[in-house]
Amino acid sequence: MTDIIALAIVIVAAVLGLLLGFHRLIKVLTGGLFGIIIGIVVCAMIGGSLQNLDVSQQFIASVNQTTTEWWAFLSYLKLGYVAFYLVLFLLVQIVRVVIVKIISNIAASESPIIVFINKSLGLVISVVFVSAVILLALAGIRALDGTDFGQSIIAQFEDSYLKVIYENNPIKF
């Protein structure tokens, strides 16, 4: 039964992606709270590498030095890193908005080829998104593996494809 529910969710997502198209789906997935979450995740992924650049180190050091001059206690807070990640977050948000605008303007074309690509990419991205959410949910269940709640959910996966996906899930917490 769980296989049927999971398959139905993926099929509904595929139909929604086909109907909405790529540009509307991207607008929905990157707008509002999702856009902020995506920005935070991107900053966490690339921030560690970027903070080691000379220009970033100079920026962080100058902010730390300036705040320490204001009040010595602030040297313990390392506000340079906070400022670095705030600037990075703002840049990521600007890039996100620009990319979504570009995609929306391209997709506004009524060319049959563009419409076909838009609908096809909408279908693909919606299936990928829902599949990723399912994998994340299964990884969360794996994190609860030692509890009665986790065991009861895993017991429902017996003799199903979800059990195979659960056991071979590439996402681990």
Protein backbone atom coordinates (compact mmCIF):
# COMPACT_ATOMS: atom_id res chain seq x y z
CA MET A 1 0.00 0.00 0.00
CA THR A 2 2.84 2.41 0.80
CA ASP A 3 4.26 1.82 -2.68
CA ILE A 4 0.97 2.86 -4.25
CA ILE A 5 0.82 6.01 -2.13
CA ALA A 6 4.42 6.97 -2.98
CA LEU A 7 3.84 6.27 -6.68
CA ALA A 8 0.62 8.30 -6.63
CA ILE A 9 2.47 11.24 -5.05
CA VAL A 10 5.17 11.08 -7.75
CA ILE A 11 2.55 10.85 -10.53
CA VAL A 12 0.58 13.81 -9.13
CA ALA A 13 3.82 15.80 -8.93
CA ALA A 14 4.65 14.89 -12.53
CA VAL A 15 1.22 16.01 -13.76
CA LEU A 16 1.47 19.24 -11.76
CA GLY A 17 4.93 19.89 -13.17
CA LEU A 18 3.64 19.27 -16.67
CA LEU A 19 0.70 21.62 -16.18
CA LEU A 20 2.63 24.40 -14.44
CA GLY A 21 5.76 24.24 -16.54
CA PHE A 22 9.35 24.84 -15.50
CA HIS A 23 9.21 28.60 -15.05
CA ARG A 24 6.12 28.59 -12.80
CA LEU A 25 7.49 25.67 -10.82
CA ILE A 26 10.81 27.44 -10.32
CA LYS A 27 8.95 30.56 -9.19
CA VAL A 28 7.01 28.51 -6.64
CA LEU A 29 10.01 26.51 -5.43
CA THR A 30 12.34 29.49 -5.10
CA GLY A 31 9.92 32.07 -3.77
CA GLY A 32 9.09 33.02 -0.21
CA LEU A 33 10.29 30.74 2.57
CA PHE A 34 11.68 28.17 0.11
CA GLY A 35 13.82 30.89 -1.46
CA ILE A 36 15.25 31.79 1.93
CA ILE A 37 15.92 28.14 2.76
CA ILE A 38 17.60 27.62 -0.61
CA GLY A 39 19.72 30.73 0.00
CA ILE A 40 20.81 29.45 3.41
CA VAL A 41 21.68 26.01 2.02
CA VAL A 42 23.67 27.49 -0.87
CA CYS A 43 25.53 29.80 1.54
CA ALA A 44 26.36 26.86 3.79
CA MET A 45 27.58 24.83 0.80
CA ILE A 46 29.81 27.46 -0.77
CA GLY A 47 30.57 29.74 2.18
CA GLY A 48 33.24 27.50 3.66
CA SER A 49 35.23 27.56 0.42
CA LEU A 50 34.73 31.26 -0.24
CA GLN A 51 35.74 32.35 3.26
CA ASN A 52 39.26 31.05 2.59
CA LEU A 53 39.79 33.45 -0.30
CA ASP A 54 42.13 36.36 0.41
CA VAL A 55 39.47 39.00 -0.24
CA SER A 56 37.07 37.22 2.14
CA GLN A 57 39.72 36.89 4.84
CA GLN A 58 40.53 40.60 4.53
CA PHE A 59 36.83 41.51 4.78
CA ILE A 60 36.31 39.29 7.83
CA ALA A 61 39.45 40.64 9.52
CA SER A 62 38.48 44.26 8.86
CA VAL A 63 34.98 43.76 10.28
CA ASN A 64 36.40 41.97 13.33
CA GLN A 65 38.93 44.76 13.87
CA THR A 66 36.32 47.52 13.49
CA THR A 67 33.86 45.89 15.87
CA THR A 68 36.63 45.24 18.41
CA GLU A 69 37.51 48.94 18.31
CA TRP A 70 33.88 49.76 19.14
CA TRP A 71 33.71 47.37 22.07
CA ALA A 72 36.33 44.77 23.10
CA PHE A 73 33.65 42.21 23.97
CA LEU A 74 32.65 41.98 20.30
CA SER A 75 35.97 40.33 19.45
CA TYR A 76 34.62 37.14 21.03
CA LEU A 77 31.59 37.10 18.73
CA LYS A 78 33.58 37.08 15.46
CA LEU A 79 31.10 39.38 13.73
CA GLY A 80 33.25 39.32 10.60
CA TYR A 81 31.93 35.86 9.80
CA VAL A 82 28.37 37.02 10.41
CA ALA A 83 28.89 39.96 8.06
CA PHE A 84 30.53 37.68 5.47
CA TYR A 85 27.60 35.26 5.47
CA LEU A 86 25.04 38.09 5.39
CA VAL A 87 26.71 39.60 2.31
CA LEU A 88 26.94 36.14 0.73
CA PHE A 89 23.25 35.51 1.48
CA LEU A 90 22.26 38.80 -0.13
CA LEU A 91 24.34 38.00 -3.23
CA VAL A 92 22.79 34.52 -3.49
CA GLN A 93 19.30 36.03 -3.23
CA ILE A 94 20.07 38.57 -5.97
CA VAL A 95 21.43 35.83 -8.26
CA ARG A 96 18.37 33.66 -7.52
CA VAL A 97 15.96 36.47 -8.45
CA VAL A 98 17.87 37.28 -11.64
CA ILE A 99 17.93 33.62 -12.73
CA VAL A 100 14.20 33.21 -12.08
CA LYS A 101 13.46 36.41 -14.04
CA ILE A 102 15.56 35.23 -16.98
CA ILE A 103 13.84 31.83 -17.00
CA SER A 104 10.40 33.47 -16.76
CA ASN A 105 11.14 35.82 -19.64
CA ILE A 106 12.41 32.98 -21.83
CA ALA A 107 9.41 30.83 -20.94
CA ALA A 108 7.00 33.67 -21.77
CA SER A 109 7.66 32.90 -25.43
CA GLU A 110 4.78 31.13 -27.15
CA SER A 111 7.10 29.21 -29.46
CA PRO A 112 6.07 25.54 -29.59
CA ILE A 113 9.65 24.43 -28.94
CA ILE A 114 9.97 26.65 -25.85
CA VAL A 115 6.55 25.50 -24.58
CA PHE A 116 7.56 21.84 -25.05
CA ILE A 117 10.90 22.36 -23.25
CA ASN A 118 9.17 24.34 -20.49
CA LYS A 119 6.57 21.61 -19.89
CA SER A 120 9.14 18.80 -20.11
CA LEU A 121 11.52 20.47 -17.66
CA GLY A 122 8.56 21.18 -15.35
CA LEU A 123 7.71 17.49 -15.32
CA VAL A 124 11.33 16.49 -14.65
CA ILE A 125 11.98 19.05 -11.91
CA SER A 126 8.76 18.21 -10.07
CA VAL A 127 9.54 14.48 -10.09
CA VAL A 128 13.11 15.15 -8.94
CA PHE A 129 11.89 17.47 -6.17
CA VAL A 130 9.30 15.01 -4.85
CA SER A 131 11.79 12.14 -5.07
CA ALA A 132 14.31 14.18 -3.08
CA VAL A 133 11.67 14.94 -0.44
CA ILE A 134 10.82 11.23 -0.21
CA LEU A 135 14.53 10.38 0.19
CA LEU A 136 14.87 13.04 2.90
CA ALA A 137 11.82 11.66 4.69
CA LEU A 138 13.27 8.15 4.54
CA ALA A 139 16.58 9.47 5.88
CA GLY A 140 14.66 11.09 8.74
CA ILE A 141 12.96 7.78 9.47
CA ARG A 142 16.38 6.11 9.48
CA ALA A 143 17.49 8.64 12.11
CA LEU A 144 14.58 7.41 14.26
CA ASP A 145 15.54 3.76 13.67
CA GLY A 146 16.25 3.08 17.34
CA THR A 147 12.84 4.27 18.53
CA ASP A 148 9.50 2.47 18.63
CA PHE A 149 8.05 5.10 16.31
CA GLY A 150 10.79 4.52 13.73
CA GLN A 151 10.43 0.74 13.99
CA SER A 152 6.66 0.94 13.46
CA ILE A 153 7.11 2.99 10.29
CA ILE A 154 9.83 0.67 8.98
CA ALA A 155 7.56 -2.33 9.67
CA GLN A 156 5.03 -0.83 7.25
CA PHE A 157 7.66 -0.94 4.48
CA GLU A 158 8.05 -4.74 4.59
CA ASP A 159 7.64 -6.38 1.17
CA SER A 160 7.64 -3.03 -0.65
CA TYR A 161 9.89 -1.13 -2.98
CA LEU A 162 10.10 1.63 -0.38
CA LYS A 163 11.97 -0.83 1.85
CA VAL A 164 14.58 -1.28 -0.89
CA ILE A 165 14.83 2.50 -1.35
CA TYR A 166 15.02 2.92 2.45
CA GLU A 167 17.87 0.41 2.76
CA ASN A 168 19.82 1.92 -0.16
CA ASN A 169 19.08 5.59 0.51
CA PRO A 170 22.10 7.72 -0.40
CA ILE A 171 21.07 10.43 2.10
CA LYS A 172 22.24 9.73 5.63
CA PHE A 173 22.00 12.00 8.66
